Amino acid sequence: VQVLRDRAAWERAWTAFHRGAGAAPAPAVDFAREMVVIVNDGDRSSGGHAIRVDGTSPGPDGGLVLHATRTSPGPGCMSTMVMTAPADIVRVPRAAGPVTLAVRAVAAPC
Protein backbone atom coordinates (compact mmCIF):
# COMPACT_ATOMS: atom_id res chain seq x y z
CA VAL A 1 0.00 0.00 0.00
CA GLN A 2 1.43 3.34 -1.07
CA VAL A 3 -0.24 6.49 0.32
CA LEU A 4 0.30 9.71 -1.63
CA ARG A 5 -0.59 12.96 0.10
CA ASP A 6 0.88 15.56 -2.28
CA ARG A 7 0.94 16.37 -6.01
CA ALA A 8 4.66 15.75 -6.53
CA ALA A 9 4.52 12.24 -5.03
CA TRP A 10 1.39 11.50 -7.09
CA GLU A 11 3.03 12.58 -10.36
CA ARG A 12 6.16 10.48 -9.62
CA ALA A 13 4.05 7.42 -8.76
CA TRP A 14 1.83 7.88 -11.85
CA THR A 15 4.88 8.01 -14.12
CA ALA A 16 6.48 4.99 -12.43
CA PHE A 17 3.21 3.02 -12.56
CA HIS A 18 3.05 3.57 -16.30
CA ARG A 19 6.79 2.94 -16.60
CA GLY A 20 7.23 6.40 -18.12
CA ALA A 21 5.83 5.12 -21.42
CA GLY A 22 4.22 8.35 -22.56
CA ALA A 23 1.41 8.15 -20.02
CA ALA A 24 -1.23 10.84 -19.97
CA PRO A 25 -0.75 13.40 -17.19
CA ALA A 26 -1.75 12.26 -13.71
CA PRO A 27 -5.42 12.96 -12.98
CA ALA A 28 -6.13 16.03 -10.86
CA VAL A 29 -6.52 15.48 -7.12
CA ASP A 30 -7.51 18.04 -4.46
CA PHE A 31 -4.85 17.12 -1.90
CA ALA A 32 -6.37 19.47 0.68
CA ARG A 33 -9.36 17.09 0.88
CA GLU A 34 -8.17 13.85 -0.74
CA MET A 35 -5.22 11.51 -1.08
CA VAL A 36 -4.33 8.75 -3.50
CA VAL A 37 -3.67 5.17 -2.47
CA ILE A 38 -2.00 2.55 -4.65
CA VAL A 39 -2.63 -1.06 -3.69
CA ASN A 40 -0.14 -3.37 -5.41
CA ASP A 41 -0.72 -7.09 -4.96
CA GLY A 42 2.75 -8.16 -6.11
CA ASP A 43 3.88 -10.27 -9.05
CA ARG A 44 1.85 -13.31 -10.10
CA SER A 45 3.00 -16.05 -12.48
CA SER A 46 -0.27 -16.20 -14.43
CA GLY A 47 -3.28 -14.16 -15.50
CA GLY A 48 -6.63 -14.21 -13.75
CA HIS A 49 -5.50 -12.31 -10.65
CA ALA A 50 -6.89 -8.93 -9.57
CA ILE A 51 -7.09 -6.59 -6.59
CA ARG A 52 -9.90 -4.06 -6.23
CA VAL A 53 -10.56 -1.49 -3.52
CA ASP A 54 -14.28 -1.75 -2.73
CA GLY A 55 -14.58 1.06 -0.17
CA THR A 56 -13.25 2.67 2.97
CA SER A 57 -14.17 3.06 6.62
CA PRO A 58 -12.72 5.12 9.47
CA GLY A 59 -9.70 3.54 11.10
CA PRO A 60 -7.99 3.97 14.46
CA ASP A 61 -5.96 7.08 15.28
CA GLY A 62 -7.60 9.21 12.56
CA GLY A 63 -6.67 6.70 9.89
CA LEU A 64 -8.50 4.90 7.15
CA VAL A 65 -9.25 1.24 6.43
CA LEU A 66 -9.35 0.23 2.77
CA HIS A 67 -11.60 -2.75 2.08
CA ALA A 68 -10.39 -4.72 -0.94
CA THR A 69 -11.13 -7.93 -2.81
CA ARG A 70 -8.29 -10.12 -4.08
CA THR A 71 -9.43 -12.41 -6.90
CA SER A 72 -7.51 -15.44 -8.13
CA PRO A 73 -8.37 -18.20 -10.60
CA GLY A 74 -10.52 -20.95 -9.11
CA PRO A 75 -9.41 -24.59 -8.93
CA GLY A 76 -9.02 -26.09 -12.39
CA CYS A 77 -9.43 -22.76 -14.19
CA MET A 78 -7.30 -22.09 -17.24
CA SER A 79 -5.38 -18.83 -17.29
CA THR A 80 -2.73 -17.18 -19.40
CA MET A 81 0.85 -18.04 -18.57
CA VAL A 82 2.21 -14.54 -18.30
CA MET A 83 3.60 -12.49 -15.43
CA THR A 84 1.03 -10.04 -14.06
CA ALA A 85 1.10 -7.44 -11.28
CA PRO A 86 -2.44 -6.70 -10.07
CA ALA A 87 -2.92 -3.18 -8.71
CA ASP A 88 -5.62 -0.62 -8.03
CA ILE A 89 -5.28 3.16 -7.68
CA VAL A 90 -7.98 5.02 -5.77
CA ARG A 91 -8.70 8.55 -4.62
CA VAL A 92 -10.02 8.58 -1.03
CA PRO A 93 -10.85 11.18 1.62
CA ARG A 94 -7.72 12.61 3.24
CA ALA A 95 -6.81 11.01 6.56
CA ALA A 96 -3.99 12.09 8.85
CA GLY A 97 -3.52 8.68 10.46
CA PRO A 98 -2.37 5.33 9.13
CA VAL A 99 -3.96 3.59 6.16
CA THR A 100 -4.54 -0.13 6.59
CA LEU A 101 -5.79 -2.77 4.20
CA ALA A 102 -8.50 -5.36 4.93
CA VAL A 103 -8.55 -7.95 2.14
CA ARG A 104 -11.22 -10.48 1.25
CA ALA A 105 -9.93 -13.29 -0.98
CA VAL A 106 -12.15 -14.95 -3.57
CA ALA A 107 -11.55 -17.59 -6.22
CA ALA A 108 -13.16 -16.81 -9.56
CA PRO A 109 -15.33 -19.61 -10.90
CA CYS A 110 -14.40 -21.10 -14.27
C-alpha atoms as a PDB file:
ATOM      1  CA  VAL A   1       0.000   0.000   0.000  1.00  0.00           C
ATOM      2  CA  GLN A   2       1.426   3.344  -1.066  1.00  0.00           C
ATOM      3  CA  VAL A   3      -0.241   6.491   0.323  1.00  0.00           C
ATOM      4  CA  LEU A   4       0.298   9.714  -1.629  1.00  0.00           C
ATOM      5  CA  ARG A   5      -0.588  12.960   0.097  1.00  0.00           C
ATOM      6  CA  ASP A   6       0.876  15.557  -2.285  1.00  0.00           C
ATOM      7  CA  ARG A   7       0.936  16.372  -6.012  1.00  0.00           C
ATOM      8  CA  ALA A   8       4.664  15.754  -6.535  1.00  0.00           C
ATOM      9  CA  ALA A   9       4.515  12.244  -5.035  1.00  0.00           C
ATOM     10  CA  TRP A  10       1.387  11.500  -7.090  1.00  0.00           C
ATOM     11  CA  GLU A  11       3.027  12.578 -10.355  1.00  0.00           C
ATOM     12  CA  ARG A  12       6.156  10.480  -9.618  1.00  0.00           C
ATOM     13  CA  ALA A  13       4.045   7.423  -8.758  1.00  0.00           C
ATOM     14  CA  TRP A  14       1.833   7.879 -11.846  1.00  0.00           C
ATOM     15  CA  THR A  15       4.883   8.011 -14.123  1.00  0.00           C
ATOM     16  CA  ALA A  16       6.478   4.988 -12.426  1.00  0.00           C
ATOM     17  CA  PHE A  17       3.212   3.019 -12.563  1.00  0.00           C
ATOM     18  CA  HIS A  18       3.052   3.567 -16.304  1.00  0.00           C
ATOM     19  CA  ARG A  19       6.792   2.943 -16.597  1.00  0.00           C
ATOM     20  CA  GLY A  20       7.227   6.400 -18.123  1.00  0.00           C
ATOM     21  CA  ALA A  21       5.833   5.116 -21.423  1.00  0.00           C
ATOM     22  CA  GLY A  22       4.216   8.351 -22.560  1.00  0.00           C
ATOM     23  CA  ALA A  23       1.410   8.148 -20.024  1.00  0.00           C
ATOM     24  CA  ALA A  24      -1.229  10.842 -19.965  1.00  0.00           C
ATOM     25  CA  PRO A  25      -0.746  13.398 -17.186  1.00  0.00           C
ATOM     26  CA  ALA A  26      -1.747  12.259 -13.714  1.00  0.00           C
ATOM     27  CA  PRO A  27      -5.423  12.957 -12.984  1.00  0.00           C
ATOM     28  CA  ALA A  28      -6.126  16.033 -10.858  1.00  0.00           C
ATOM     29  CA  VAL A  29      -6.518  15.484  -7.120  1.00  0.00           C
ATOM     30  CA  ASP A  30      -7.515  18.035  -4.461  1.00  0.00           C
ATOM     31  CA  PHE A  31      -4.849  17.121  -1.897  1.00  0.00           C
ATOM     32  CA  ALA A  32      -6.370  19.471   0.678  1.00  0.00           C
ATOM     33  CA  ARG A  33      -9.361  17.092   0.882  1.00  0.00           C
ATOM     34  CA  GLU A  34      -8.173  13.853  -0.742  1.00  0.00           C
ATOM     35  CA  MET A  35      -5.221  11.510  -1.079  1.00  0.00           C
ATOM     36  CA  VAL A  36      -4.327   8.750  -3.504  1.00  0.00           C
ATOM     37  CA  VAL A  37      -3.667   5.168  -2.470  1.00  0.00           C
ATOM     38  CA  ILE A  38      -2.002   2.547  -4.654  1.00  0.00           C
ATOM     39  CA  VAL A  39      -2.626  -1.065  -3.688  1.00  0.00           C
ATOM     40  CA  ASN A  40      -0.143  -3.368  -5.415  1.00  0.00           C
ATOM     41  CA  ASP A  41      -0.715  -7.092  -4.955  1.00  0.00           C
ATOM     42  CA  GLY A  42       2.752  -8.158  -6.112  1.00  0.00           C
ATOM     43  CA  ASP A  43       3.877 -10.266  -9.048  1.00  0.00           C
ATOM     44  CA  ARG A  44       1.849 -13.305 -10.098  1.00  0.00           C
ATOM     45  CA  SER A  45       2.995 -16.045 -12.478  1.00  0.00           C
ATOM     46  CA  SER A  46      -0.271 -16.198 -14.431  1.00  0.00           C
ATOM     47  CA  GLY A  47      -3.277 -14.163 -15.502  1.00  0.00           C
ATOM     48  CA  GLY A  48      -6.634 -14.213 -13.752  1.00  0.00           C
ATOM     49  CA  HIS A  49      -5.501 -12.308 -10.651  1.00  0.00           C
ATOM     50  CA  ALA A  50      -6.890  -8.933  -9.572  1.00  0.00           C
ATOM     51  CA  ILE A  51      -7.089  -6.595  -6.587  1.00  0.00           C
ATOM     52  CA  ARG A  52      -9.898  -4.061  -6.233  1.00  0.00           C
ATOM     53  CA  VAL A  53     -10.564  -1.489  -3.520  1.00  0.00           C
ATOM     54  CA  ASP A  54     -14.276  -1.747  -2.725  1.00  0.00           C
ATOM     55  CA  GLY A  55     -14.583   1.060  -0.175  1.00  0.00           C
ATOM     56  CA  THR A  56     -13.250   2.670   2.974  1.00  0.00           C
ATOM     57  CA  SER A  57     -14.167   3.063   6.622  1.00  0.00           C
ATOM     58  CA  PRO A  58     -12.719   5.121   9.472  1.00  0.00           C
ATOM     59  CA  GLY A  59      -9.700   3.540  11.098  1.00  0.00           C
ATOM     60  CA  PRO A  60      -7.991   3.973  14.456  1.00  0.00           C
ATOM     61  CA  ASP A  61      -5.956   7.082  15.275  1.00  0.00           C
ATOM     62  CA  GLY A  62      -7.599   9.212  12.563  1.00  0.00           C
ATOM     63  CA  GLY A  63      -6.666   6.703   9.892  1.00  0.00           C
ATOM     64  CA  LEU A  64      -8.502   4.896   7.152  1.00  0.00           C
ATOM     65  CA  VAL A  65      -9.245   1.238   6.433  1.00  0.00           C
ATOM     66  CA  LEU A  66      -9.347   0.229   2.769  1.00  0.00           C
ATOM     67  CA  HIS A  67     -11.597  -2.745   2.077  1.00  0.00           C
ATOM     68  CA  ALA A  68     -10.386  -4.724  -0.935  1.00  0.00           C
ATOM     69  CA  THR A  69     -11.132  -7.926  -2.807  1.00  0.00           C
ATOM     70  CA  ARG A  70      -8.285 -10.124  -4.076  1.00  0.00           C
ATOM     71  CA  THR A  71      -9.435 -12.406  -6.900  1.00  0.00           C
ATOM     72  CA  SER A  72      -7.512 -15.444  -8.125  1.00  0.00           C
ATOM     73  CA  PRO A  73      -8.375 -18.198 -10.597  1.00  0.00           C
ATOM     74  CA  GLY A  74     -10.519 -20.947  -9.106  1.00  0.00           C
ATOM     75  CA  PRO A  75      -9.413 -24.587  -8.932  1.00  0.00           C
ATOM     76  CA  GLY A  76      -9.016 -26.087 -12.392  1.00  0.00           C
ATOM     77  CA  CYS A  77      -9.429 -22.761 -14.189  1.00  0.00           C
ATOM     78  CA  MET A  78      -7.300 -22.093 -17.238  1.00  0.00           C
ATOM     79  CA  SER A  79      -5.376 -18.830 -17.288  1.00  0.00           C
ATOM     80  CA  THR A  80      -2.729 -17.184 -19.401  1.00  0.00           C
ATOM     81  CA  MET A  81       0.847 -18.038 -18.574  1.00  0.00           C
ATOM     82  CA  VAL A  82       2.212 -14.536 -18.301  1.00  0.00           C
ATOM     83  CA  MET A  83       3.595 -12.487 -15.428  1.00  0.00           C
ATOM     84  CA  THR A  84       1.027 -10.039 -14.060  1.00  0.00           C
ATOM     85  CA  ALA A  85       1.098  -7.441 -11.282  1.00  0.00           C
ATOM     86  CA  PRO A  86      -2.444  -6.700 -10.073  1.00  0.00           C
ATOM     87  CA  ALA A  87      -2.916  -3.177  -8.711  1.00  0.00           C
ATOM     88  CA  ASP A  88      -5.617  -0.615  -8.025  1.00  0.00           C
ATOM     89  CA  ILE A  89      -5.276   3.157  -7.681  1.00  0.00           C
ATOM     90  CA  VAL A  90      -7.980   5.023  -5.769  1.00  0.00           C
ATOM     91  CA  ARG A  91      -8.697   8.552  -4.620  1.00  0.00           C
ATOM     92  CA  VAL A  92     -10.018   8.581  -1.032  1.00  0.00           C
ATOM     93  CA  PRO A  93     -10.852  11.177   1.624  1.00  0.00           C
ATOM     94  CA  ARG A  94      -7.725  12.611   3.238  1.00  0.00           C
ATOM     95  CA  ALA A  95      -6.812  11.009   6.562  1.00  0.00           C
ATOM     96  CA  ALA A  96      -3.991  12.092   8.847  1.00  0.00           C
ATOM     97  CA  GLY A  97      -3.517   8.680  10.464  1.00  0.00           C
ATOM     98  CA  PRO A  98      -2.374   5.326   9.130  1.00  0.00           C
ATOM     99  CA  VAL A  99      -3.961   3.591   6.161  1.00  0.00           C
ATOM    100  CA  THR A 100      -4.536  -0.129   6.591  1.00  0.00           C
ATOM    101  CA  LEU A 101      -5.791  -2.772   4.200  1.00  0.00           C
ATOM    102  CA  ALA A 102      -8.500  -5.359   4.927  1.00  0.00           C
ATOM    103  CA  VAL A 103      -8.548  -7.950   2.144  1.00  0.00           C
ATOM    104  CA  ARG A 104     -11.215 -10.484   1.247  1.00  0.00           C
ATOM    105  CA  ALA A 105      -9.928 -13.293  -0.978  1.00  0.00           C
ATOM    106  CA  VAL A 106     -12.155 -14.947  -3.572  1.00  0.00           C
ATOM    107  CA  ALA A 107     -11.547 -17.595  -6.217  1.00  0.00           C
ATOM    108  CA  ALA A 108     -13.164 -16.811  -9.558  1.00  0.00           C
ATOM    109  CA  PRO A 109     -15.334 -19.612 -10.904  1.00  0.00           C
ATOM    110  CA  CYS A 110     -14.404 -21.099 -14.273  1.00  0.00           C
END
